[in-house]
Amino acid sequence: MTLSHYAVVGMVTLMVFGFSAIAAALLRVPSERVDAPRGWMPYSIGYPVYALIFLSFDMEMIFMYPWAVVFVKEGLMGFLDMLVFIAILSAGIAYAWGMGGFRWE
């Protein structure tokens, strides 16, 4: 890669951080709290936890099938790469487990 490729990546990174800073500056926090109706009080809606579980298992399967096809050709380096990938996804699953994502309600 030449220096110009790195310059493009750097410019895109600066744009992302710039737009994020502008969005954070313009963000207005609501002044009043909105409570859920009484009918919804007994239910615990843990969408982020379930989304994390789904993404962890989904990404694992999407990337493990092609990896299994080229495993012999990649050798030890391919195995170590997949080991790191599974460790990162396992950390997400462990976090969801700690948050109670696998408890039946």
PDB file of N, CA and C in Angstrom:
ATOM      1  N   MET A   1       0.841  -1.187   0.000  1.00  0.00           N
ATOM      2  CA  MET A   1       0.000   0.000   0.000  1.00  0.00           C
ATOM      3  C   MET A   1       0.883   1.245   0.000  1.00  0.00           C
ATOM      4  N   THR A   2       0.441   2.214  -0.721  1.00  0.00           N
ATOM      5  CA  THR A   2       1.191   3.451  -0.764  1.00  0.00           C
ATOM      6  C   THR A   2       0.688   4.405   0.301  1.00  0.00           C
ATOM      7  N   LEU A   3       1.367   5.512   0.431  1.00  0.00           N
ATOM      8  CA  LEU A   3       1.010   6.501   1.431  1.00  0.00           C
ATOM      9  C   LEU A   3      -0.366   7.099   1.156  1.00  0.00           C
ATOM     10  N   SER A   4      -0.762   7.176  -0.111  1.00  0.00           N
ATOM     11  CA  SER A   4      -2.062   7.764  -0.434  1.00  0.00           C
ATOM     12  C   SER A   4      -3.212   6.907   0.095  1.00  0.00           C
ATOM     13  N   HIS A   5      -3.027   5.586   0.137  1.00  0.00           N
ATOM     14  CA  HIS A   5      -4.057   4.722   0.698  1.00  0.00           C
ATOM     15  C   HIS A   5      -4.240   5.005   2.190  1.00  0.00           C
ATOM     16  N   TYR A   6      -3.138   5.193   2.877  1.00  0.00           N
ATOM     17  CA  TYR A   6      -3.227   5.509   4.301  1.00  0.00           C
ATOM     18  C   TYR A   6      -3.849   6.883   4.528  1.00  0.00           C
ATOM     19  N   ALA A   7      -3.602   7.806   3.612  1.00  0.00           N
ATOM     20  CA  ALA A   7      -4.192   9.134   3.727  1.00  0.00           C
ATOM     21  C   ALA A   7      -5.708   9.062   3.590  1.00  0.00           C
ATOM     22  N   VAL A   8      -6.195   8.223   2.700  1.00  0.00           N
ATOM     23  CA  VAL A   8      -7.647   8.055   2.534  1.00  0.00           C
ATOM     24  C   VAL A   8      -8.246   7.467   3.801  1.00  0.00           C
ATOM     25  N   VAL A   9      -7.613   6.451   4.345  1.00  0.00           N
ATOM     26  CA  VAL A   9      -8.101   5.849   5.588  1.00  0.00           C
ATOM     27  C   VAL A   9      -8.087   6.872   6.717  1.00  0.00           C
ATOM     28  N   GLY A  10      -7.033   7.674   6.801  1.00  0.00           N
ATOM     29  CA  GLY A  10      -6.955   8.702   7.831  1.00  0.00           C
ATOM     30  C   GLY A  10      -8.039   9.754   7.678  1.00  0.00           C
ATOM     31  N   MET A  11      -8.307  10.176   6.440  1.00  0.00           N
ATOM     32  CA  MET A  11      -9.354  11.174   6.200  1.00  0.00           C
ATOM     33  C   MET A  11     -10.735  10.633   6.566  1.00  0.00           C
ATOM     34  N   VAL A  12     -11.006   9.386   6.213  1.00  0.00           N
ATOM     35  CA  VAL A  12     -12.296   8.786   6.561  1.00  0.00           C
ATOM     36  C   VAL A  12     -12.428   8.684   8.078  1.00  0.00           C
ATOM     37  N   THR A  13     -11.351   8.320   8.760  1.00  0.00           N
ATOM     38  CA  THR A  13     -11.378   8.230  10.215  1.00  0.00           C
ATOM     39  C   THR A  13     -11.649   9.597  10.838  1.00  0.00           C
ATOM     40  N   LEU A  14     -10.991  10.631  10.334  1.00  0.00           N
ATOM     41  CA  LEU A  14     -11.239  11.985  10.828  1.00  0.00           C
ATOM     42  C   LEU A  14     -12.674  12.427  10.577  1.00  0.00           C
ATOM     43  N   MET A  15     -13.223  12.069   9.418  1.00  0.00           N
ATOM     44  CA  MET A  15     -14.607  12.425   9.129  1.00  0.00           C
ATOM     45  C   MET A  15     -15.566  11.735  10.086  1.00  0.00           C
ATOM     46  N   VAL A  16     -15.316  10.468  10.372  1.00  0.00           N
ATOM     47  CA  VAL A  16     -16.184   9.727  11.294  1.00  0.00           C
ATOM     48  C   VAL A  16     -16.151  10.364  12.677  1.00  0.00           C
ATOM     49  N   PHE A  17     -14.949  10.648  13.174  1.00  0.00           N
ATOM     50  CA  PHE A  17     -14.859  11.272  14.492  1.00  0.00           C
ATOM     51  C   PHE A  17     -15.444  12.681  14.488  1.00  0.00           C
ATOM     52  N   GLY A  18     -15.284  13.406  13.385  1.00  0.00           N
ATOM     53  CA  GLY A  18     -15.854  14.749  13.289  1.00  0.00           C
ATOM     54  C   GLY A  18     -17.371  14.723  13.307  1.00  0.00           C
ATOM     55  N   PHE A  19     -17.962  13.830  12.498  1.00  0.00           N
ATOM     56  CA  PHE A  19     -19.422  13.717  12.505  1.00  0.00           C
ATOM     57  C   PHE A  19     -19.939  13.236  13.856  1.00  0.00           C
ATOM     58  N   SER A  20     -19.198  12.365  14.505  1.00  0.00           N
ATOM     59  CA  SER A  20     -19.602  11.895  15.837  1.00  0.00           C
ATOM     60  C   SER A  20     -19.557  13.035  16.846  1.00  0.00           C
ATOM     61  N   ALA A  21     -18.539  13.883  16.761  1.00  0.00           N
ATOM     62  CA  ALA A  21     -18.443  15.014  17.681  1.00  0.00           C
ATOM     63  C   ALA A  21     -19.568  16.011  17.436  1.00  0.00           C
ATOM     64  N   ILE A  22     -19.912  16.253  16.171  1.00  0.00           N
ATOM     65  CA  ILE A  22     -21.018  17.164  15.860  1.00  0.00           C
ATOM     66  C   ILE A  22     -22.340  16.596  16.375  1.00  0.00           C
ATOM     67  N   ALA A  23     -22.562  15.299  16.160  1.00  0.00           N
ATOM     68  CA  ALA A  23     -23.800  14.679  16.633  1.00  0.00           C
ATOM     69  C   ALA A  23     -23.888  14.720  18.154  1.00  0.00           C
ATOM     70  N   ALA A  24     -22.765  14.497  18.845  1.00  0.00           N
ATOM     71  CA  ALA A  24     -22.767  14.553  20.309  1.00  0.00           C
ATOM     72  C   ALA A  24     -23.017  15.970  20.810  1.00  0.00           C
ATOM     73  N   ALA A  25     -22.520  16.969  20.081  1.00  0.00           N
ATOM     74  CA  ALA A  25     -22.729  18.356  20.492  1.00  0.00           C
ATOM     75  C   ALA A  25     -24.180  18.774  20.290  1.00  0.00           C
ATOM     76  N   LEU A  26     -24.823  18.243  19.271  1.00  0.00           N
ATOM     77  CA  LEU A  26     -26.204  18.613  18.987  1.00  0.00           C
ATOM     78  C   LEU A  26     -27.232  17.778  19.740  1.00  0.00           C
ATOM     79  N   LEU A  27     -26.779  16.743  20.414  1.00  0.00           N
ATOM     80  CA  LEU A  27     -27.688  15.856  21.130  1.00  0.00           C
ATOM     81  C   LEU A  27     -28.337  16.591  22.295  1.00  0.00           C
ATOM     82  N   ARG A  28     -29.642  16.519  22.358  1.00  0.00           N
ATOM     83  CA  ARG A  28     -30.362  17.125  23.474  1.00  0.00           C
ATOM     84  C   ARG A  28     -30.957  16.005  24.309  1.00  0.00           C
ATOM     85  N   VAL A  29     -30.615  15.975  25.561  1.00  0.00           N
ATOM     86  CA  VAL A  29     -31.118  14.958  26.476  1.00  0.00           C
ATOM     87  C   VAL A  29     -32.519  15.375  26.927  1.00  0.00           C
ATOM     88  N   PRO A  30     -33.506  14.465  26.861  1.00  0.00           N
ATOM     89  CA  PRO A  30     -34.853  14.838  27.295  1.00  0.00           C
ATOM     90  C   PRO A  30     -34.866  15.208  28.778  1.00  0.00           C
ATOM     91  N   SER A  31     -35.646  16.221  29.113  1.00  0.00           N
ATOM     92  CA  SER A  31     -35.651  16.718  30.484  1.00  0.00           C
ATOM     93  C   SER A  31     -36.596  15.939  31.388  1.00  0.00           C
ATOM     94  N   GLU A  32     -37.587  15.272  30.812  1.00  0.00           N
ATOM     95  CA  GLU A  32     -38.514  14.523  31.659  1.00  0.00           C
ATOM     96  C   GLU A  32     -38.398  13.033  31.372  1.00  0.00           C
ATOM     97  N   ARG A  33     -38.672  12.257  32.367  1.00  0.00           N
ATOM     98  CA  ARG A  33     -38.566  10.811  32.249  1.00  0.00           C
ATOM     99  C   ARG A  33     -39.917  10.245  31.862  1.00  0.00           C
ATOM    100  N   VAL A  34     -39.906   9.325  30.919  1.00  0.00           N
ATOM    101  CA  VAL A  34     -41.143   8.694  30.474  1.00  0.00           C
ATOM    102  C   VAL A  34     -41.172   7.291  31.057  1.00  0.00           C
ATOM    103  N   ASP A  35     -42.164   7.019  31.900  1.00  0.00           N
ATOM    104  CA  ASP A  35     -42.293   5.698  32.513  1.00  0.00           C
ATOM    105  C   ASP A  35     -43.169   4.804  31.644  1.00  0.00           C
ATOM    106  N   ALA A  36     -42.923   3.510  31.750  1.00  0.00           N
ATOM    107  CA  ALA A  36     -43.716   2.538  31.013  1.00  0.00           C
ATOM    108  C   ALA A  36     -45.087   2.402  31.668  1.00  0.00           C
ATOM    109  N   PRO A  37     -46.096   2.056  30.873  1.00  0.00           N
ATOM    110  CA  PRO A  37     -47.415   1.829  31.475  1.00  0.00           C
ATOM    111  C   PRO A  37     -47.370   0.681  32.478  1.00  0.00           C
ATOM    112  N   ARG A  38     -48.318   0.662  33.383  1.00  0.00           N
ATOM    113  CA  ARG A  38     -48.328  -0.355  34.438  1.00  0.00           C
ATOM    114  C   ARG A  38     -48.420  -1.764  33.868  1.00  0.00           C
ATOM    115  N   GLY A  39     -49.034  -1.926  32.723  1.00  0.00           N
ATOM    116  CA  GLY A  39     -49.169  -3.251  32.130  1.00  0.00           C
ATOM    117  C   GLY A  39     -47.834  -3.858  31.710  1.00  0.00           C
ATOM    118  N   TRP A  40     -46.831  -3.034  31.472  1.00  0.00           N
ATOM    119  CA  TRP A  40     -45.529  -3.512  31.041  1.00  0.00           C
ATOM    120  C   TRP A  40     -44.540  -3.681  32.183  1.00  0.00           C
ATOM    121  N   MET A  41     -44.894  -3.311  33.374  1.00  0.00           N
ATOM    122  CA  MET A  41     -43.955  -3.350  34.501  1.00  0.00           C
ATOM    123  C   MET A  41     -43.404  -4.754  34.802  1.00  0.00           C
ATOM    124  N   PRO A  42     -44.212  -5.820  34.773  1.00  0.00           N
ATOM    125  CA  PRO A  42     -43.651  -7.124  35.134  1.00  0.00           C
ATOM    126  C   PRO A  42     -42.675  -7.694  34.106  1.00  0.00           C
ATOM    127  N   TYR A  43     -42.654  -7.149  32.901  1.00  0.00           N
ATOM    128  CA  TYR A  43     -41.832  -7.712  31.845  1.00  0.00           C
ATOM    129  C   TYR A  43     -40.477  -7.020  31.773  1.00  0.00           C
ATOM    130  N   SER A  44     -39.466  -7.830  31.613  1.00  0.00           N
ATOM    131  CA  SER A  44     -38.117  -7.304  31.445  1.00  0.00           C
ATOM    132  C   SER A  44     -37.728  -7.497  29.987  1.00  0.00           C
ATOM    133  N   ILE A  45     -37.637  -6.422  29.234  1.00  0.00           N
ATOM    134  CA  ILE A  45     -37.299  -6.515  27.818  1.00  0.00           C
ATOM    135  C   ILE A  45     -35.806  -6.275  27.693  1.00  0.00           C
ATOM    136  N   GLY A  46     -35.070  -7.327  27.480  1.00  0.00           N
ATOM    137  CA  GLY A  46     -33.619  -7.224  27.383  1.00  0.00           C
ATOM    138  C   GLY A  46     -33.154  -7.368  25.954  1.00  0.00           C
ATOM    139  N   TYR A  47     -33.627  -6.503  25.069  1.00  0.00           N
ATOM    140  CA  TYR A  47     -33.275  -6.596  23.653  1.00  0.00           C
ATOM    141  C   TYR A  47     -31.768  -6.573  23.411  1.00  0.00           C
ATOM    142  N   PRO A  48     -31.009  -5.663  24.031  1.00  0.00           N
ATOM    143  CA  PRO A  48     -29.567  -5.652  23.738  1.00  0.00           C
ATOM    144  C   PRO A  48     -28.867  -6.958  24.081  1.00  0.00           C
ATOM    145  N   VAL A  49     -29.290  -7.604  25.147  1.00  0.00           N
ATOM    146  CA  VAL A  49     -28.658  -8.872  25.544  1.00  0.00           C
ATOM    147  C   VAL A  49     -28.967  -9.949  24.517  1.00  0.00           C
ATOM    148  N   TYR A  50     -30.235 -10.028  24.078  1.00  0.00           N
ATOM    149  CA  TYR A  50     -30.597 -11.040  23.094  1.00  0.00           C
ATOM    150  C   TYR A  50     -29.965 -10.749  21.735  1.00  0.00           C
ATOM    151  N   ALA A  51     -29.823  -9.489  21.392  1.00  0.00           N
ATOM    152  CA  ALA A  51     -29.148  -9.128  20.139  1.00  0.00           C
ATOM    153  C   ALA A  51     -27.678  -9.535  20.188  1.00  0.00           C
ATOM    154  N   LEU A  52     -27.036  -9.366  21.337  1.00  0.00           N
ATOM    155  CA  LEU A  52     -25.640  -9.760  21.497  1.00  0.00           C
ATOM    156  C   LEU A  52     -25.481 -11.273  21.347  1.00  0.00           C
ATOM    157  N   ILE A  53     -26.397 -12.030  21.939  1.00  0.00           N
ATOM    158  CA  ILE A  53     -26.346 -13.493  21.820  1.00  0.00           C
ATOM    159  C   ILE A  53     -26.524 -13.904  20.363  1.00  0.00           C
ATOM    160  N   PHE A  54     -27.532 -13.319  19.695  1.00  0.00           N
ATOM    161  CA  PHE A  54     -27.779 -13.670  18.292  1.00  0.00           C
ATOM    162  C   PHE A  54     -26.569 -13.357  17.425  1.00  0.00           C
ATOM    163  N   LEU A  55     -26.017 -12.157  17.580  1.00  0.00           N
ATOM    164  CA  LEU A  55     -24.874 -11.772  16.756  1.00  0.00           C
ATOM    165  C   LEU A  55     -23.657 -12.652  17.020  1.00  0.00           C
ATOM    166  N   SER A  56     -23.450 -13.028  18.278  1.00  0.00           N
ATOM    167  CA  SER A  56     -22.302 -13.880  18.595  1.00  0.00           C
ATOM    168  C   SER A  56     -22.401 -15.226  17.897  1.00  0.00           C
ATOM    169  N   PHE A  57     -23.560 -15.872  18.016  1.00  0.00           N
ATOM    170  CA  PHE A  57     -23.707 -17.183  17.391  1.00  0.00           C
ATOM    171  C   PHE A  57     -23.785 -17.075  15.871  1.00  0.00           C
ATOM    172  N   ASP A  58     -24.425 -16.031  15.373  1.00  0.00           N
ATOM    173  CA  ASP A  58     -24.559 -15.862  13.936  1.00  0.00           C
ATOM    174  C   ASP A  58     -23.205 -15.607  13.279  1.00  0.00           C
ATOM    175  N   MET A  59     -22.418 -14.709  13.830  1.00  0.00           N
ATOM    176  CA  MET A  59     -21.097 -14.415  13.266  1.00  0.00           C
ATOM    177  C   MET A  59     -20.185 -15.630  13.344  1.00  0.00           C
ATOM    178  N   GLU A  60     -20.324 -16.378  14.419  1.00  0.00           N
ATOM    179  CA  GLU A  60     -19.491 -17.569  14.558  1.00  0.00           C
ATOM    180  C   GLU A  60     -19.767 -18.548  13.422  1.00  0.00           C
ATOM    181  N   MET A  61     -21.027 -18.784  13.127  1.00  0.00           N
ATOM    182  CA  MET A  61     -21.371 -19.747  12.086  1.00  0.00           C
ATOM    183  C   MET A  61     -21.043 -19.209  10.696  1.00  0.00           C
ATOM    184  N   ILE A  62     -21.263 -17.909  10.469  1.00  0.00           N
ATOM    185  CA  ILE A  62     -20.991 -17.343   9.147  1.00  0.00           C
ATOM    186  C   ILE A  62     -19.510 -17.459   8.787  1.00  0.00           C
ATOM    187  N   PHE A  63     -18.628 -17.263   9.757  1.00  0.00           N
ATOM    188  CA  PHE A  63     -17.199 -17.282   9.456  1.00  0.00           C
ATOM    189  C   PHE A  63     -16.550 -18.647   9.661  1.00  0.00           C
ATOM    190  N   MET A  64     -17.189 -19.550  10.380  1.00  0.00           N
ATOM    191  CA  MET A  64     -16.562 -20.854  10.592  1.00  0.00           C
ATOM    192  C   MET A  64     -16.738 -21.791   9.409  1.00  0.00           C
ATOM    193  N   TYR A  65     -17.817 -21.682   8.655  1.00  0.00           N
ATOM    194  CA  TYR A  65     -17.996 -22.560   7.497  1.00  0.00           C
ATOM    195  C   TYR A  65     -16.939 -22.318   6.426  1.00  0.00           C
ATOM    196  N   PRO A  66     -16.710 -21.083   5.988  1.00  0.00           N
ATOM    197  CA  PRO A  66     -15.629 -20.891   5.002  1.00  0.00           C
ATOM    198  C   PRO A  66     -14.254 -21.233   5.566  1.00  0.00           C
ATOM    199  N   TRP A  67     -14.058 -20.980   6.849  1.00  0.00           N
ATOM    200  CA  TRP A  67     -12.772 -21.300   7.465  1.00  0.00           C
ATOM    201  C   TRP A  67     -12.532 -22.802   7.438  1.00  0.00           C
ATOM    202  N   ALA A  68     -13.584 -23.587   7.664  1.00  0.00           N
ATOM    203  CA  ALA A  68     -13.436 -25.040   7.658  1.00  0.00           C
ATOM    204  C   ALA A  68     -13.048 -25.552   6.277  1.00  0.00           C
ATOM    205  N   VAL A  69     -13.469 -24.857   5.231  1.00  0.00           N
ATOM    206  CA  VAL A  69     -13.140 -25.284   3.868  1.00  0.00           C
ATOM    207  C   VAL A  69     -11.655 -25.078   3.577  1.00  0.00           C
ATOM    208  N   VAL A  70     -11.074 -23.985   4.066  1.00  0.00           N
ATOM    209  CA  VAL A  70      -9.680 -23.676   3.758  1.00  0.00           C
ATOM    210  C   VAL A  70      -8.735 -23.951   4.924  1.00  0.00           C
ATOM    211  N   PHE A  71      -9.186 -24.693   5.908  1.00  0.00           N
ATOM    212  CA  PHE A  71      -8.383 -24.920   7.120  1.00  0.00           C
ATOM    213  C   PHE A  71      -7.062 -25.613   6.809  1.00  0.00           C
ATOM    214  N   VAL A  72      -7.092 -26.637   5.988  1.00  0.00           N
ATOM    215  CA  VAL A  72      -5.877 -27.402   5.699  1.00  0.00           C
ATOM    216  C   VAL A  72      -4.855 -26.527   4.978  1.00  0.00           C
ATOM    217  N   LYS A  73      -5.315 -25.681   4.076  1.00  0.00           N
ATOM    218  CA  LYS A  73      -4.399 -24.823   3.323  1.00  0.00           C
ATOM    219  C   LYS A  73      -3.807 -23.723   4.205  1.00  0.00           C
ATOM    220  N   GLU A  74      -4.565 -23.200   5.144  1.00  0.00           N
ATOM    221  CA  GLU A  74      -4.094 -22.100   5.994  1.00  0.00           C
ATOM    222  C   GLU A  74      -3.112 -22.571   7.062  1.00  0.00           C
ATOM    223  N   GLY A  75      -3.304 -23.754   7.584  1.00  0.00           N
ATOM    224  CA  GLY A  75      -2.374 -24.308   8.565  1.00  0.00           C
ATOM    225  C   GLY A  75      -2.523 -23.697   9.948  1.00  0.00           C
ATOM    226  N   LEU A  76      -1.415 -23.625  10.678  1.00  0.00           N
ATOM    227  CA  LEU A  76      -1.427 -23.179  12.069  1.00  0.00           C
ATOM    228  C   LEU A  76      -1.842 -21.716  12.195  1.00  0.00           C
ATOM    229  N   MET A  77      -1.439 -20.879  11.268  1.00  0.00           N
ATOM    230  CA  MET A  77      -1.786 -19.455  11.355  1.00  0.00           C
ATOM    231  C   MET A  77      -3.295 -19.256  11.228  1.00  0.00           C
ATOM    232  N   GLY A  78      -3.916 -19.982  10.334  1.00  0.00           N
ATOM    233  CA  GLY A  78      -5.370 -19.916  10.191  1.00  0.00           C
ATOM    234  C   GLY A  78      -6.075 -20.418  11.434  1.00  0.00           C
ATOM    235  N   PHE A  79      -5.511 -21.454  12.052  1.00  0.00           N
ATOM    236  CA  PHE A  79      -6.090 -21.982  13.289  1.00  0.00           C
ATOM    237  C   PHE A  79      -6.000 -20.957  14.415  1.00  0.00           C
ATOM    238  N   LEU A  80      -4.858 -20.292  14.535  1.00  0.00           N
ATOM    239  CA  LEU A  80      -4.696 -19.287  15.595  1.00  0.00           C
ATOM    240  C   LEU A  80      -5.602 -18.078  15.368  1.00  0.00           C
ATOM    241  N   ASP A  81      -5.756 -17.680  14.104  1.00  0.00           N
ATOM    242  CA  ASP A  81      -6.676 -16.585  13.798  1.00  0.00           C
ATOM    243  C   ASP A  81      -8.104 -16.928  14.223  1.00  0.00           C
ATOM    244  N   MET A  82      -8.543 -18.130  13.898  1.00  0.00           N
ATOM    245  CA  MET A  82      -9.902 -18.534  14.277  1.00  0.00           C
ATOM    246  C   MET A  82     -10.018 -18.693  15.787  1.00  0.00           C
ATOM    247  N   LEU A  83      -8.957 -19.084  16.451  1.00  0.00           N
ATOM    248  CA  LEU A  83      -8.981 -19.197  17.910  1.00  0.00           C
ATOM    249  C   LEU A  83      -9.178 -17.827  18.558  1.00  0.00           C
ATOM    250  N   VAL A  84      -8.514 -16.816  18.044  1.00  0.00           N
ATOM    251  CA  VAL A  84      -8.698 -15.452  18.552  1.00  0.00           C
ATOM    252  C   VAL A  84     -10.117 -14.981  18.273  1.00  0.00           C
ATOM    253  N   PHE A  85     -10.636 -15.252  17.089  1.00  0.00           N
ATOM    254  CA  PHE A  85     -11.997 -14.860  16.720  1.00  0.00           C
ATOM    255  C   PHE A  85     -13.016 -15.509  17.648  1.00  0.00           C
ATOM    256  N   ILE A  86     -12.870 -16.790  17.911  1.00  0.00           N
ATOM    257  CA  ILE A  86     -13.800 -17.485  18.803  1.00  0.00           C
ATOM    258  C   ILE A  86     -13.663 -16.971  20.230  1.00  0.00           C
ATOM    259  N   ALA A  87     -12.460 -16.619  20.648  1.00  0.00           N
ATOM    260  CA  ALA A  87     -12.278 -16.068  21.999  1.00  0.00           C
ATOM    261  C   ALA A  87     -13.008 -14.738  22.150  1.00  0.00           C
ATOM    262  N   ILE A  88     -12.958 -13.891  21.126  1.00  0.00           N
ATOM    263  CA  ILE A  88     -13.665 -12.607  21.184  1.00  0.00           C
ATOM    264  C   ILE A  88     -15.169 -12.833  21.241  1.00  0.00           C
ATOM    265  N   LEU A  89     -15.681 -13.736  20.409  1.00  0.00           N
ATOM    266  CA  LEU A  89     -17.116 -14.024  20.446  1.00  0.00           C
ATOM    267  C   LEU A  89     -17.520 -14.683  21.756  1.00  0.00           C
ATOM    268  N   SER A  90     -16.659 -15.514  22.305  1.00  0.00           N
ATOM    269  CA  SER A  90     -16.959 -16.150  23.590  1.00  0.00           C
ATOM    270  C   SER A  90     -17.023 -15.118  24.710  1.00  0.00           C
ATOM    271  N   ALA A  91     -16.223 -14.078  24.609  1.00  0.00           N
ATOM    272  CA  ALA A  91     -16.293 -13.010  25.606  1.00  0.00           C
ATOM    273  C   ALA A  91     -17.656 -12.322  25.542  1.00  0.00           C
ATOM    274  N   GLY A  92     -18.179 -12.119  24.344  1.00  0.00           N
ATOM    275  CA  GLY A  92     -19.515 -11.541  24.189  1.00  0.00           C
ATOM    276  C   GLY A  92     -20.587 -12.447  24.751  1.00  0.00           C
ATOM    277  N   ILE A  93     -20.463 -13.739  24.525  1.00  0.00           N
ATOM    278  CA  ILE A  93     -21.434 -14.688  25.061  1.00  0.00           C
ATOM    279  C   ILE A  93     -21.340 -14.740  26.582  1.00  0.00           C
ATOM    280  N   ALA A  94     -20.128 -14.705  27.128  1.00  0.00           N
ATOM    281  CA  ALA A  94     -19.962 -14.709  28.587  1.00  0.00           C
ATOM    282  C   ALA A  94     -20.564 -13.448  29.201  1.00  0.00           C
ATOM    283  N   TYR A  95     -20.410 -12.319  28.531  1.00  0.00           N
ATOM    284  CA  TYR A  95     -20.997 -11.070  29.028  1.00  0.00           C
ATOM    285  C   TYR A  95     -22.525 -11.170  29.035  1.00  0.00           C
ATOM    286  N   ALA A  96     -23.096 -11.711  27.943  1.00  0.00           N
ATOM    287  CA  ALA A  96     -24.550 -11.878  27.887  1.00  0.00           C
ATOM    288  C   ALA A  96     -25.027 -12.851  28.951  1.00  0.00           C
ATOM    289  N   TRP A  97     -24.251 -13.883  29.211  1.00  0.00           N
ATOM    290  CA  TRP A  97     -24.605 -14.843  30.245  1.00  0.00           C
ATOM    291  C   TRP A  97     -24.615 -14.164  31.616  1.00  0.00           C
ATOM    292  N   GLY A  98     -23.609 -13.345  31.866  1.00  0.00           N
ATOM    293  CA  GLY A  98     -23.547 -12.613  33.130  1.00  0.00           C
ATOM    294  C   GLY A  98     -24.688 -11.627  33.293  1.00  0.00           C
ATOM    295  N   MET A  99     -25.184 -11.081  32.184  1.00  0.00           N
ATOM    296  CA  MET A  99     -26.300 -10.141  32.226  1.00  0.00           C
ATOM    297  C   MET A  99     -27.635 -10.852  32.388  1.00  0.00           C
ATOM    298  N   GLY A 100     -27.621 -12.204  32.353  1.00  0.00           N
ATOM    299  CA  GLY A 100     -28.860 -12.969  32.530  1.00  0.00           C
ATOM    300  C   GLY A 100     -29.564 -13.280  31.239  1.00  0.00           C
ATOM    301  N   GLY A 101     -28.866 -13.259  30.144  1.00  0.00           N
ATOM    302  CA  GLY A 101     -29.484 -13.518  28.851  1.00  0.00           C
ATOM    303  C   GLY A 101     -29.915 -14.939  28.626  1.00  0.00           C
ATOM    304  N   PHE A 102     -29.385 -15.880  29.380  1.00  0.00           N
ATOM    305  CA  PHE A 102     -29.749 -17.287  29.203  1.00  0.00           C
ATOM    306  C   PHE A 102     -30.726 -17.778  30.266  1.00  0.00           C
ATOM    307  N   ARG A 103     -31.203 -16.882  31.133  1.00  0.00           N
ATOM    308  CA  ARG A 103     -32.186 -17.280  32.147  1.00  0.00           C
ATOM    309  C   ARG A 103     -33.581 -17.278  31.546  1.00  0.00           C
ATOM    310  N   TRP A 104     -34.323 -18.312  31.832  1.00  0.00           N
ATOM    311  CA  TRP A 104     -35.693 -18.413  31.357  1.00  0.00           C
ATOM    312  C   TRP A 104     -36.601 -17.615  32.261  1.00  0.00           C
ATOM    313  N   GLU A 105     -37.418 -16.755  31.653  1.00  0.00           N
ATOM    314  CA  GLU A 105     -38.324 -15.932  32.462  1.00  0.00           C
ATOM    315  C   GLU A 105     -39.748 -16.335  32.208  1.00  0.00           C
TER     316      GLU A 105
END
